[in-house]
Amino acid sequence: MNEVDVPLHAVAHARAGDKGNRSNVSVIPYLPEAFPYLLAQVTEARVLEVFAHKGATACSRYVLPRLPAMNFVIDNALEGGVNYSLGLDGHGKSLSFMLLGDIVVRVPEHCVPTHRQPR
């Protein structure tokens, strides 16, 4: 089985939301067979590392195997929250895109959708 290293966005999409100074980012694989690989590699520690420069202090992962998906709740990741931060769209899609672009995962080639195969 050939495995490839790809950015997370090659095998998953994400949704983001906020509440106060907390962000939540859901990660959903395009193909269900990629889920076990993402589950093993997209950990609380790796997600917290992505948001560390924003002052994040903790991350909790909630696994939703029947979807399949994961939801990450990241504390203190919003620079004080919507009313305090000077960041533009620092609470929406830009945070999910940051996560999808910063984490690289190793998956079997068949887990990468055909339209997203690495070159």
PDB file of N, CA and C in Angstrom:
ATOM      1  N   MET A   1       0.857  -1.174   0.000  1.00  0.00           N
ATOM      2  CA  MET A   1       0.000   0.000   0.000  1.00  0.00           C
ATOM      3  C   MET A   1       0.903   1.237   0.000  1.00  0.00           C
ATOM      4  N   ASN A   2       0.732   2.086  -0.994  1.00  0.00           N
ATOM      5  CA  ASN A   2       1.483   3.336  -1.086  1.00  0.00           C
ATOM      6  C   ASN A   2       0.875   4.391  -0.179  1.00  0.00           C
ATOM      7  N   GLU A   3       1.711   4.980   0.666  1.00  0.00           N
ATOM      8  CA  GLU A   3       1.254   6.077   1.521  1.00  0.00           C
ATOM      9  C   GLU A   3       1.880   7.380   1.038  1.00  0.00           C
ATOM     10  N   VAL A   4       1.145   8.463   1.238  1.00  0.00           N
ATOM     11  CA  VAL A   4       1.614   9.783   0.830  1.00  0.00           C
ATOM     12  C   VAL A   4       1.440  10.765   1.982  1.00  0.00           C
ATOM     13  N   ASP A   5       2.313  11.755   2.036  1.00  0.00           N
ATOM     14  CA  ASP A   5       2.177  12.855   2.985  1.00  0.00           C
ATOM     15  C   ASP A   5       1.458  13.982   2.264  1.00  0.00           C
ATOM     16  N   VAL A   6       0.330  14.417   2.829  1.00  0.00           N
ATOM     17  CA  VAL A   6      -0.467  15.474   2.195  1.00  0.00           C
ATOM     18  C   VAL A   6      -0.935  16.458   3.263  1.00  0.00           C
ATOM     19  N   PRO A   7      -1.185  17.701   2.858  1.00  0.00           N
ATOM     20  CA  PRO A   7      -1.798  18.623   3.821  1.00  0.00           C
ATOM     21  C   PRO A   7      -3.197  18.116   4.162  1.00  0.00           C
ATOM     22  N   LEU A   8      -3.625  18.384   5.353  1.00  0.00           N
ATOM     23  CA  LEU A   8      -4.927  17.911   5.811  1.00  0.00           C
ATOM     24  C   LEU A   8      -6.045  18.283   4.842  1.00  0.00           C
ATOM     25  N   HIS A   9      -5.949  19.448   4.196  1.00  0.00           N
ATOM     26  CA  HIS A   9      -7.019  19.871   3.284  1.00  0.00           C
ATOM     27  C   HIS A   9      -7.157  18.962   2.064  1.00  0.00           C
ATOM     28  N   ALA A  10      -6.157  18.126   1.778  1.00  0.00           N
ATOM     29  CA  ALA A  10      -6.259  17.202   0.644  1.00  0.00           C
ATOM     30  C   ALA A  10      -7.200  16.040   0.941  1.00  0.00           C
ATOM     31  N   VAL A  11      -7.433  15.758   2.232  1.00  0.00           N
ATOM     32  CA  VAL A  11      -8.259  14.614   2.595  1.00  0.00           C
ATOM     33  C   VAL A  11      -9.458  14.971   3.475  1.00  0.00           C
ATOM     34  N   ALA A  12      -9.568  16.258   3.868  1.00  0.00           N
ATOM     35  CA  ALA A  12     -10.665  16.641   4.770  1.00  0.00           C
ATOM     36  C   ALA A  12     -11.061  18.094   4.552  1.00  0.00           C
ATOM     37  N   HIS A  13     -12.267  18.399   4.995  1.00  0.00           N
ATOM     38  CA  HIS A  13     -12.719  19.793   5.031  1.00  0.00           C
ATOM     39  C   HIS A  13     -13.044  20.127   6.478  1.00  0.00           C
ATOM     40  N   ALA A  14     -13.315  21.394   6.755  1.00  0.00           N
ATOM     41  CA  ALA A  14     -13.523  21.808   8.137  1.00  0.00           C
ATOM     42  C   ALA A  14     -14.601  22.885   8.222  1.00  0.00           C
ATOM     43  N   ARG A  15     -15.164  23.009   9.405  1.00  0.00           N
ATOM     44  CA  ARG A  15     -16.116  24.075   9.746  1.00  0.00           C
ATOM     45  C   ARG A  15     -15.641  24.671  11.059  1.00  0.00           C
ATOM     46  N   ALA A  16     -15.830  25.965  11.217  1.00  0.00           N
ATOM     47  CA  ALA A  16     -15.363  26.627  12.437  1.00  0.00           C
ATOM     48  C   ALA A  16     -16.468  27.482  13.045  1.00  0.00           C
ATOM     49  N   GLY A  17     -16.365  27.673  14.336  1.00  0.00           N
ATOM     50  CA  GLY A  17     -17.293  28.545  15.051  1.00  0.00           C
ATOM     51  C   GLY A  17     -16.593  29.118  16.265  1.00  0.00           C
ATOM     52  N   ASP A  18     -17.275  29.979  16.989  1.00  0.00           N
ATOM     53  CA  ASP A  18     -16.663  30.577  18.164  1.00  0.00           C
ATOM     54  C   ASP A  18     -17.715  30.855  19.224  1.00  0.00           C
ATOM     55  N   LYS A  19     -17.235  30.928  20.448  1.00  0.00           N
ATOM     56  CA  LYS A  19     -18.054  31.331  21.593  1.00  0.00           C
ATOM     57  C   LYS A  19     -17.103  31.953  22.587  1.00  0.00           C
ATOM     58  N   GLY A  20     -17.205  33.255  22.761  1.00  0.00           N
ATOM     59  CA  GLY A  20     -16.278  33.949  23.652  1.00  0.00           C
ATOM     60  C   GLY A  20     -14.863  33.861  23.117  1.00  0.00           C
ATOM     61  N   ASN A  21     -13.960  33.378  23.946  1.00  0.00           N
ATOM     62  CA  ASN A  21     -12.555  33.248  23.554  1.00  0.00           C
ATOM     63  C   ASN A  21     -12.215  31.810  23.161  1.00  0.00           C
ATOM     64  N   ARG A  22     -13.237  31.035  22.831  1.00  0.00           N
ATOM     65  CA  ARG A  22     -13.057  29.640  22.417  1.00  0.00           C
ATOM     66  C   ARG A  22     -13.412  29.485  20.953  1.00  0.00           C
ATOM     67  N   SER A  23     -12.621  28.699  20.268  1.00  0.00           N
ATOM     68  CA  SER A  23     -12.935  28.353  18.884  1.00  0.00           C
ATOM     69  C   SER A  23     -13.250  26.876  18.831  1.00  0.00           C
ATOM     70  N   ASN A  24     -14.121  26.500  17.937  1.00  0.00           N
ATOM     71  CA  ASN A  24     -14.281  25.072  17.672  1.00  0.00           C
ATOM     72  C   ASN A  24     -14.135  24.858  16.177  1.00  0.00           C
ATOM     73  N   VAL A  25     -13.414  23.805  15.849  1.00  0.00           N
ATOM     74  CA  VAL A  25     -13.170  23.462  14.453  1.00  0.00           C
ATOM     75  C   VAL A  25     -13.494  21.989  14.277  1.00  0.00           C
ATOM     76  N   SER A  26     -14.416  21.705  13.375  1.00  0.00           N
ATOM     77  CA  SER A  26     -14.743  20.327  13.036  1.00  0.00           C
ATOM     78  C   SER A  26     -13.958  19.922  11.805  1.00  0.00           C
ATOM     79  N   VAL A  27     -13.406  18.720  11.829  1.00  0.00           N
ATOM     80  CA  VAL A  27     -12.646  18.165  10.715  1.00  0.00           C
ATOM     81  C   VAL A  27     -13.383  16.937  10.217  1.00  0.00           C
ATOM     82  N   ILE A  28     -13.715  16.937   8.913  1.00  0.00           N
ATOM     83  CA  ILE A  28     -14.507  15.872   8.316  1.00  0.00           C
ATOM     84  C   ILE A  28     -13.781  15.353   7.080  1.00  0.00           C
ATOM     85  N   PRO A  29     -13.410  14.066   7.058  1.00  0.00           N
ATOM     86  CA  PRO A  29     -12.723  13.546   5.880  1.00  0.00           C
ATOM     87  C   PRO A  29     -13.656  13.484   4.674  1.00  0.00           C
ATOM     88  N   TYR A  30     -13.080  13.681   3.483  1.00  0.00           N
ATOM     89  CA  TYR A  30     -13.871  13.538   2.258  1.00  0.00           C
ATOM     90  C   TYR A  30     -14.298  12.090   2.064  1.00  0.00           C
ATOM     91  N   LEU A  31     -13.413  11.151   2.412  1.00  0.00           N
ATOM     92  CA  LEU A  31     -13.690   9.723   2.257  1.00  0.00           C
ATOM     93  C   LEU A  31     -13.656   9.062   3.628  1.00  0.00           C
ATOM     94  N   PRO A  32     -14.683   8.293   3.983  1.00  0.00           N
ATOM     95  CA  PRO A  32     -14.733   7.680   5.316  1.00  0.00           C
ATOM     96  C   PRO A  32     -13.520   6.810   5.640  1.00  0.00           C
ATOM     97  N   GLU A  33     -12.922   6.180   4.629  1.00  0.00           N
ATOM     98  CA  GLU A  33     -11.777   5.302   4.904  1.00  0.00           C
ATOM     99  C   GLU A  33     -10.550   6.078   5.387  1.00  0.00           C
ATOM    100  N   ALA A  34     -10.542   7.386   5.240  1.00  0.00           N
ATOM    101  CA  ALA A  34      -9.431   8.203   5.745  1.00  0.00           C
ATOM    102  C   ALA A  34      -9.569   8.472   7.244  1.00  0.00           C
ATOM    103  N   PHE A  35     -10.754   8.291   7.792  1.00  0.00           N
ATOM    104  CA  PHE A  35     -11.012   8.668   9.175  1.00  0.00           C
ATOM    105  C   PHE A  35     -10.055   8.028  10.191  1.00  0.00           C
ATOM    106  N   PRO A  36      -9.794   6.710  10.137  1.00  0.00           N
ATOM    107  CA  PRO A  36      -8.877   6.134  11.139  1.00  0.00           C
ATOM    108  C   PRO A  36      -7.479   6.756  11.096  1.00  0.00           C
ATOM    109  N   TYR A  37      -7.015   7.126   9.913  1.00  0.00           N
ATOM    110  CA  TYR A  37      -5.695   7.743   9.781  1.00  0.00           C
ATOM    111  C   TYR A  37      -5.698   9.145  10.379  1.00  0.00           C
ATOM    112  N   LEU A  38      -6.779   9.879  10.142  1.00  0.00           N
ATOM    113  CA  LEU A  38      -6.891  11.223  10.714  1.00  0.00           C
ATOM    114  C   LEU A  38      -7.032  11.143  12.228  1.00  0.00           C
ATOM    115  N   LEU A  39      -7.799  10.194  12.688  1.00  0.00           N
ATOM    116  CA  LEU A  39      -8.000  10.016  14.125  1.00  0.00           C
ATOM    117  C   LEU A  39      -6.662   9.789  14.839  1.00  0.00           C
ATOM    118  N   ALA A  40      -5.791   9.024  14.212  1.00  0.00           N
ATOM    119  CA  ALA A  40      -4.494   8.724  14.818  1.00  0.00           C
ATOM    120  C   ALA A  40      -3.531   9.905  14.758  1.00  0.00           C
ATOM    121  N   GLN A  41      -3.684  10.783  13.762  1.00  0.00           N
ATOM    122  CA  GLN A  41      -2.685  11.825  13.541  1.00  0.00           C
ATOM    123  C   GLN A  41      -3.131  13.241  13.886  1.00  0.00           C
ATOM    124  N   VAL A  42      -4.412  13.522  13.805  1.00  0.00           N
ATOM    125  CA  VAL A  42      -4.902  14.870  14.110  1.00  0.00           C
ATOM    126  C   VAL A  42      -5.339  14.866  15.573  1.00  0.00           C
ATOM    127  N   THR A  43      -4.360  15.093  16.412  1.00  0.00           N
ATOM    128  CA  THR A  43      -4.553  14.967  17.859  1.00  0.00           C
ATOM    129  C   THR A  43      -4.757  16.334  18.506  1.00  0.00           C
ATOM    130  N   GLU A  44      -5.169  16.308  19.757  1.00  0.00           N
ATOM    131  CA  GLU A  44      -5.312  17.545  20.526  1.00  0.00           C
ATOM    132  C   GLU A  44      -3.988  18.302  20.563  1.00  0.00           C
ATOM    133  N   ALA A  45      -2.889  17.590  20.764  1.00  0.00           N
ATOM    134  CA  ALA A  45      -1.578  18.240  20.861  1.00  0.00           C
ATOM    135  C   ALA A  45      -1.200  18.927  19.552  1.00  0.00           C
ATOM    136  N   ARG A  46      -1.458  18.280  18.417  1.00  0.00           N
ATOM    137  CA  ARG A  46      -1.107  18.886  17.127  1.00  0.00           C
ATOM    138  C   ARG A  46      -1.973  20.105  16.838  1.00  0.00           C
ATOM    139  N   VAL A  47      -3.243  20.016  17.177  1.00  0.00           N
ATOM    140  CA  VAL A  47      -4.138  21.160  16.950  1.00  0.00           C
ATOM    141  C   VAL A  47      -3.732  22.315  17.852  1.00  0.00           C
ATOM    142  N   LEU A  48      -3.439  22.026  19.113  1.00  0.00           N
ATOM    143  CA  LEU A  48      -3.004  23.078  20.039  1.00  0.00           C
ATOM    144  C   LEU A  48      -1.730  23.751  19.530  1.00  0.00           C
ATOM    145  N   GLU A  49      -0.830  22.979  18.948  1.00  0.00           N
ATOM    146  CA  GLU A  49       0.411  23.531  18.400  1.00  0.00           C
ATOM    147  C   GLU A  49       0.123  24.527  17.270  1.00  0.00           C
ATOM    148  N   VAL A  50      -0.876  24.231  16.436  1.00  0.00           N
ATOM    149  CA  VAL A  50      -1.237  25.133  15.340  1.00  0.00           C
ATOM    150  C   VAL A  50      -1.703  26.487  15.876  1.00  0.00           C
ATOM    151  N   PHE A  51      -2.407  26.475  17.002  1.00  0.00           N
ATOM    152  CA  PHE A  51      -2.990  27.702  17.554  1.00  0.00           C
ATOM    153  C   PHE A  51      -2.159  28.318  18.680  1.00  0.00           C
ATOM    154  N   ALA A  52      -1.017  27.753  18.989  1.00  0.00           N
ATOM    155  CA  ALA A  52      -0.194  28.238  20.101  1.00  0.00           C
ATOM    156  C   ALA A  52       0.200  29.700  19.921  1.00  0.00           C
ATOM    157  N   HIS A  53       0.503  30.110  18.715  1.00  0.00           N
ATOM    158  CA  HIS A  53       0.937  31.496  18.479  1.00  0.00           C
ATOM    159  C   HIS A  53      -0.178  32.507  18.747  1.00  0.00           C
ATOM    160  N   LYS A  54      -1.426  32.026  18.810  1.00  0.00           N
ATOM    161  CA  LYS A  54      -2.552  32.911  19.108  1.00  0.00           C
ATOM    162  C   LYS A  54      -2.859  32.932  20.611  1.00  0.00           C
ATOM    163  N   GLY A  55      -2.087  32.179  21.397  1.00  0.00           N
ATOM    164  CA  GLY A  55      -2.284  32.156  22.839  1.00  0.00           C
ATOM    165  C   GLY A  55      -3.153  31.018  23.333  1.00  0.00           C
ATOM    166  N   ALA A  56      -3.468  30.054  22.476  1.00  0.00           N
ATOM    167  CA  ALA A  56      -4.306  28.924  22.882  1.00  0.00           C
ATOM    168  C   ALA A  56      -3.670  28.183  24.044  1.00  0.00           C
ATOM    169  N   THR A  57      -4.509  27.792  25.012  1.00  0.00           N
ATOM    170  CA  THR A  57      -3.996  27.159  26.227  1.00  0.00           C
ATOM    171  C   THR A  57      -4.429  25.705  26.397  1.00  0.00           C
ATOM    172  N   ALA A  58      -5.470  25.276  25.711  1.00  0.00           N
ATOM    173  CA  ALA A  58      -5.945  23.901  25.847  1.00  0.00           C
ATOM    174  C   ALA A  58      -6.767  23.535  24.616  1.00  0.00           C
ATOM    175  N   CYS A  59      -6.837  22.232  24.361  1.00  0.00           N
ATOM    176  CA  CYS A  59      -7.622  21.739  23.237  1.00  0.00           C
ATOM    177  C   CYS A  59      -8.274  20.424  23.644  1.00  0.00           C
ATOM    178  N   SER A  60      -9.555  20.295  23.368  1.00  0.00           N
ATOM    179  CA  SER A  60     -10.277  19.048  23.621  1.00  0.00           C
ATOM    180  C   SER A  60     -10.812  18.528  22.300  1.00  0.00           C
ATOM    181  N   ARG A  61     -10.670  17.221  22.080  1.00  0.00           N
ATOM    182  CA  ARG A  61     -11.158  16.605  20.847  1.00  0.00           C
ATOM    183  C   ARG A  61     -12.370  15.741  21.166  1.00  0.00           C
ATOM    184  N   TYR A  62     -13.409  15.897  20.377  1.00  0.00           N
ATOM    185  CA  TYR A  62     -14.615  15.092  20.496  1.00  0.00           C
ATOM    186  C   TYR A  62     -14.763  14.303  19.201  1.00  0.00           C
ATOM    187  N   VAL A  63     -14.753  12.984  19.326  1.00  0.00           N
ATOM    188  CA  VAL A  63     -14.798  12.108  18.159  1.00  0.00           C
ATOM    189  C   VAL A  63     -16.244  11.724  17.874  1.00  0.00           C
ATOM    190  N   LEU A  64     -16.617  11.859  16.612  1.00  0.00           N
ATOM    191  CA  LEU A  64     -17.965  11.518  16.154  1.00  0.00           C
ATOM    192  C   LEU A  64     -17.841  10.431  15.088  1.00  0.00           C
ATOM    193  N   PRO A  65     -17.611   9.182  15.504  1.00  0.00           N
ATOM    194  CA  PRO A  65     -17.288   8.121  14.553  1.00  0.00           C
ATOM    195  C   PRO A  65     -18.395   7.774  13.569  1.00  0.00           C
ATOM    196  N   ARG A  66     -19.630   8.038  13.917  1.00  0.00           N
ATOM    197  CA  ARG A  66     -20.721   7.684  13.004  1.00  0.00           C
ATOM    198  C   ARG A  66     -20.859   8.668  11.853  1.00  0.00           C
ATOM    199  N   LEU A  67     -20.238   9.845  11.954  1.00  0.00           N
ATOM    200  CA  LEU A  67     -20.359  10.824  10.861  1.00  0.00           C
ATOM    201  C   LEU A  67     -19.444  10.523   9.674  1.00  0.00           C
ATOM    202  N   PRO A  68     -18.243  10.221   9.699  1.00  0.00           N
ATOM    203  CA  PRO A  68     -17.220  10.343  10.727  1.00  0.00           C
ATOM    204  C   PRO A  68     -16.651  11.763  10.756  1.00  0.00           C
ATOM    205  N   ALA A  69     -16.317  12.223  11.947  1.00  0.00           N
ATOM    206  CA  ALA A  69     -15.786  13.581  12.097  1.00  0.00           C
ATOM    207  C   ALA A  69     -15.163  13.732  13.474  1.00  0.00           C
ATOM    208  N   MET A  70     -14.431  14.828  13.641  1.00  0.00           N
ATOM    209  CA  MET A  70     -13.867  15.206  14.935  1.00  0.00           C
ATOM    210  C   MET A  70     -14.174  16.680  15.145  1.00  0.00           C
ATOM    211  N   ASN A  71     -14.449  17.049  16.374  1.00  0.00           N
ATOM    212  CA  ASN A  71     -14.646  18.453  16.706  1.00  0.00           C
ATOM    213  C   ASN A  71     -13.617  18.825  17.764  1.00  0.00           C
ATOM    214  N   PHE A  72     -12.883  19.902  17.502  1.00  0.00           N
ATOM    215  CA  PHE A  72     -11.867  20.384  18.435  1.00  0.00           C
ATOM    216  C   PHE A  72     -12.353  21.684  19.053  1.00  0.00           C
ATOM    217  N   VAL A  73     -12.298  21.769  20.387  1.00  0.00           N
ATOM    218  CA  VAL A  73     -12.615  22.994  21.116  1.00  0.00           C
ATOM    219  C   VAL A  73     -11.294  23.522  21.649  1.00  0.00           C
ATOM    220  N   ILE A  74     -10.938  24.735  21.207  1.00  0.00           N
ATOM    221  CA  ILE A  74      -9.636  25.305  21.513  1.00  0.00           C
ATOM    222  C   ILE A  74      -9.827  26.537  22.405  1.00  0.00           C
ATOM    223  N   ASP A  75      -9.297  26.472  23.619  1.00  0.00           N
ATOM    224  CA  ASP A  75      -9.439  27.558  24.591  1.00  0.00           C
ATOM    225  C   ASP A  75      -8.425  28.667  24.337  1.00  0.00           C
ATOM    226  N   ASN A  76      -8.887  29.899  24.497  1.00  0.00           N
ATOM    227  CA  ASN A  76      -8.049  31.095  24.399  1.00  0.00           C
ATOM    228  C   ASN A  76      -7.361  31.233  23.037  1.00  0.00           C
ATOM    229  N   ALA A  77      -8.051  30.834  22.000  1.00  0.00           N
ATOM    230  CA  ALA A  77      -7.493  30.872  20.644  1.00  0.00           C
ATOM    231  C   ALA A  77      -7.952  32.097  19.862  1.00  0.00           C
ATOM    232  N   LEU A  78      -8.797  32.936  20.466  1.00  0.00           N
ATOM    233  CA  LEU A  78      -9.412  34.016  19.696  1.00  0.00           C
ATOM    234  C   LEU A  78      -8.962  35.403  20.138  1.00  0.00           C
ATOM    235  N   GLU A  79      -7.804  35.455  20.747  1.00  0.00           N
ATOM    236  CA  GLU A  79      -7.220  36.737  21.135  1.00  0.00           C
ATOM    237  C   GLU A  79      -8.208  37.613  21.914  1.00  0.00           C
ATOM    238  N   GLY A  80      -8.938  36.988  22.824  1.00  0.00           N
ATOM    239  CA  GLY A  80      -9.892  37.701  23.654  1.00  0.00           C
ATOM    240  C   GLY A  80     -11.335  37.549  23.218  1.00  0.00           C
ATOM    241  N   GLY A  81     -11.584  37.071  22.027  1.00  0.00           N
ATOM    242  CA  GLY A  81     -12.944  36.887  21.522  1.00  0.00           C
ATOM    243  C   GLY A  81     -13.308  37.923  20.478  1.00  0.00           C
ATOM    244  N   VAL A  82     -14.463  37.760  19.893  1.00  0.00           N
ATOM    245  CA  VAL A  82     -14.915  38.602  18.783  1.00  0.00           C
ATOM    246  C   VAL A  82     -14.896  40.085  19.141  1.00  0.00           C
ATOM    247  N   ASN A  83     -15.316  40.439  20.336  1.00  0.00           N
ATOM    248  CA  ASN A  83     -15.401  41.849  20.716  1.00  0.00           C
ATOM    249  C   ASN A  83     -14.056  42.479  21.070  1.00  0.00           C
ATOM    250  N   TYR A  84     -13.022  41.666  21.271  1.00  0.00           N
ATOM    251  CA  TYR A  84     -11.734  42.191  21.688  1.00  0.00           C
ATOM    252  C   TYR A  84     -10.642  42.078  20.636  1.00  0.00           C
ATOM    253  N   SER A  85     -10.779  41.122  19.743  1.00  0.00           N
ATOM    254  CA  SER A  85      -9.725  40.861  18.771  1.00  0.00           C
ATOM    255  C   SER A  85      -9.727  41.888  17.650  1.00  0.00           C
ATOM    256  N   LEU A  86      -8.543  42.225  17.177  1.00  0.00           N
ATOM    257  CA  LEU A  86      -8.405  43.114  16.027  1.00  0.00           C
ATOM    258  C   LEU A  86      -8.300  42.317  14.733  1.00  0.00           C
ATOM    259  N   GLY A  87      -8.296  40.989  14.841  1.00  0.00           N
ATOM    260  CA  GLY A  87      -8.173  40.129  13.658  1.00  0.00           C
ATOM    261  C   GLY A  87      -9.431  40.157  12.812  1.00  0.00           C
ATOM    262  N   LEU A  88      -9.235  40.222  11.513  1.00  0.00           N
ATOM    263  CA  LEU A  88     -10.363  40.152  10.582  1.00  0.00           C
ATOM    264  C   LEU A  88     -10.713  38.693  10.344  1.00  0.00           C
ATOM    265  N   ASP A  89     -11.956  38.316  10.531  1.00  0.00           N
ATOM    266  CA  ASP A  89     -12.438  36.949  10.374  1.00  0.00           C
ATOM    267  C   ASP A  89     -11.567  35.959  11.142  1.00  0.00           C
ATOM    268  N   GLY A  90     -11.059  36.375  12.265  1.00  0.00           N
ATOM    269  CA  GLY A  90     -10.239  35.485  13.076  1.00  0.00           C
ATOM    270  C   GLY A  90     -11.050  34.438  13.792  1.00  0.00           C
ATOM    271  N   HIS A  91     -12.331  34.392  13.538  1.00  0.00           N
ATOM    272  CA  HIS A  91     -13.201  33.498  14.294  1.00  0.00           C
ATOM    273  C   HIS A  91     -13.988  32.575  13.390  1.00  0.00           C
ATOM    274  N   GLY A  92     -13.717  32.600  12.112  1.00  0.00           N
ATOM    275  CA  GLY A  92     -14.496  31.792  11.185  1.00  0.00           C
ATOM    276  C   GLY A  92     -13.628  30.931  10.310  1.00  0.00           C
ATOM    277  N   LYS A  93     -13.901  31.024   9.026  1.00  0.00           N
ATOM    278  CA  LYS A  93     -13.247  30.145   8.070  1.00  0.00           C
ATOM    279  C   LYS A  93     -11.732  30.223   8.098  1.00  0.00           C
ATOM    280  N   SER A  94     -11.173  31.375   8.377  1.00  0.00           N
ATOM    281  CA  SER A  94      -9.714  31.488   8.352  1.00  0.00           C
ATOM    282  C   SER A  94      -9.055  30.549   9.361  1.00  0.00           C
ATOM    283  N   LEU A  95      -9.684  30.306  10.512  1.00  0.00           N
ATOM    284  CA  LEU A  95      -9.096  29.394  11.493  1.00  0.00           C
ATOM    285  C   LEU A  95      -9.161  27.953  11.013  1.00  0.00           C
ATOM    286  N   SER A  96     -10.250  27.574  10.370  1.00  0.00           N
ATOM    287  CA  SER A  96     -10.325  26.210   9.853  1.00  0.00           C
ATOM    288  C   SER A  96      -9.332  26.023   8.720  1.00  0.00           C
ATOM    289  N   PHE A  97      -9.150  27.038   7.873  1.00  0.00           N
ATOM    290  CA  PHE A  97      -8.177  26.935   6.788  1.00  0.00           C
ATOM    291  C   PHE A  97      -6.755  26.864   7.343  1.00  0.00           C
ATOM    292  N   MET A  98      -6.501  27.571   8.434  1.00  0.00           N
ATOM    293  CA  MET A  98      -5.182  27.523   9.051  1.00  0.00           C
ATOM    294  C   MET A  98      -4.874  26.099   9.512  1.00  0.00           C
ATOM    295  N   LEU A  99      -5.840  25.456  10.146  1.00  0.00           N
ATOM    296  CA  LEU A  99      -5.659  24.085  10.613  1.00  0.00           C
ATOM    297  C   LEU A  99      -5.460  23.134   9.438  1.00  0.00           C
ATOM    298  N   LEU A 100      -6.291  23.271   8.404  1.00  0.00           N
ATOM    299  CA  LEU A 100      -6.201  22.378   7.245  1.00  0.00           C
ATOM    300  C   LEU A 100      -4.882  22.530   6.498  1.00  0.00           C
ATOM    301  N   GLY A 101      -4.319  23.716   6.520  1.00  0.00           N
ATOM    302  CA  GLY A 101      -3.070  23.945   5.800  1.00  0.00           C
ATOM    303  C   GLY A 101      -1.819  23.644   6.605  1.00  0.00           C
ATOM    304  N   ASP A 102      -1.901  23.741   7.919  1.00  0.00           N
ATOM    305  CA  ASP A 102      -0.712  23.589   8.764  1.00  0.00           C
ATOM    306  C   ASP A 102      -0.406  22.145   9.153  1.00  0.00           C
ATOM    307  N   ILE A 103      -1.397  21.290   9.130  1.00  0.00           N
ATOM    308  CA  ILE A 103      -1.169  19.895   9.535  1.00  0.00           C
ATOM    309  C   ILE A 103      -0.991  19.031   8.290  1.00  0.00           C
ATOM    310  N   VAL A 104       0.067  18.237   8.314  1.00  0.00           N
ATOM    311  CA  VAL A 104       0.342  17.272   7.248  1.00  0.00           C
ATOM    312  C   VAL A 104       0.068  15.880   7.817  1.00  0.00           C
ATOM    313  N   VAL A 105      -0.623  15.048   7.037  1.00  0.00           N
ATOM    314  CA  VAL A 105      -0.943  13.688   7.466  1.00  0.00           C
ATOM    315  C   VAL A 105      -0.406  12.690   6.443  1.00  0.00           C
ATOM    316  N   ARG A 106      -0.158  11.487   6.915  1.00  0.00           N
ATOM    317  CA  ARG A 106       0.280  10.387   6.043  1.00  0.00           C
ATOM    318  C   ARG A 106      -0.899   9.429   5.908  1.00  0.00           C
ATOM    319  N   VAL A 107      -1.334   9.234   4.672  1.00  0.00           N
ATOM    320  CA  VAL A 107      -2.479   8.361   4.403  1.00  0.00           C
ATOM    321  C   VAL A 107      -2.191   7.500   3.174  1.00  0.00           C
ATOM    322  N   PRO A 108      -2.883   6.367   3.033  1.00  0.00           N
ATOM    323  CA  PRO A 108      -2.773   5.594   1.803  1.00  0.00           C
ATOM    324  C   PRO A 108      -3.305   6.426   0.628  1.00  0.00           C
ATOM    325  N   GLU A 109      -2.721   6.232  -0.526  1.00  0.00           N
ATOM    326  CA  GLU A 109      -3.139   7.012  -1.697  1.00  0.00           C
ATOM    327  C   GLU A 109      -4.639   6.922  -1.951  1.00  0.00           C
ATOM    328  N   HIS A 110      -5.233   5.758  -1.685  1.00  0.00           N
ATOM    329  CA  HIS A 110      -6.665   5.596  -1.972  1.00  0.00           C
ATOM    330  C   HIS A 110      -7.556   6.458  -1.057  1.00  0.00           C
ATOM    331  N   CYS A 111      -6.979   7.043  -0.005  1.00  0.00           N
ATOM    332  CA  CYS A 111      -7.742   7.920   0.891  1.00  0.00           C
ATOM    333  C   CYS A 111      -7.775   9.365   0.402  1.00  0.00           C
ATOM    334  N   VAL A 112      -7.000   9.663  -0.618  1.00  0.00           N
ATOM    335  CA  VAL A 112      -6.980  11.013  -1.183  1.00  0.00           C
ATOM    336  C   VAL A 112      -7.937  11.013  -2.370  1.00  0.00           C
ATOM    337  N   PRO A 113      -8.993  11.821  -2.323  1.00  0.00           N
ATOM    338  CA  PRO A 113      -9.932  11.850  -3.443  1.00  0.00           C
ATOM    339  C   PRO A 113      -9.197  12.112  -4.759  1.00  0.00           C
ATOM    340  N   THR A 114      -9.653  11.503  -5.815  1.00  0.00           N
ATOM    341  CA  THR A 114      -8.995  11.576  -7.123  1.00  0.00           C
ATOM    342  C   THR A 114      -8.711  13.010  -7.545  1.00  0.00           C
ATOM    343  N   HIS A 115      -9.650  13.909  -7.327  1.00  0.00           N
ATOM    344  CA  HIS A 115      -9.442  15.301  -7.722  1.00  0.00           C
ATOM    345  C   HIS A 115      -8.429  16.018  -6.840  1.00  0.00           C
ATOM    346  N   ARG A 116      -7.933  15.344  -5.788  1.00  0.00           N
ATOM    347  CA  ARG A 116      -6.979  15.953  -4.864  1.00  0.00           C
ATOM    348  C   ARG A 116      -5.684  15.144  -4.766  1.00  0.00           C
ATOM    349  N   GLN A 117      -5.416  14.269  -5.706  1.00  0.00           N
ATOM    350  CA  GLN A 117      -4.206  13.458  -5.668  1.00  0.00           C
ATOM    351  C   GLN A 117      -2.968  14.342  -5.713  1.00  0.00           C
ATOM    352  N   PRO A 118      -1.970  14.053  -4.860  1.00  0.00           N
ATOM    353  CA  PRO A 118      -0.720  14.839  -4.920  1.00  0.00           C
ATOM    354  C   PRO A 118       0.017  14.552  -6.215  1.00  0.00           C
ATOM    355  N   ARG A 119       0.783  15.521  -6.681  1.00  0.00           N
ATOM    356  CA  ARG A 119       1.538  15.350  -7.934  1.00  0.00           C
ATOM    357  C   ARG A 119       2.990  15.140  -7.654  1.00  0.00           C
TER     358      ARG A 119
END
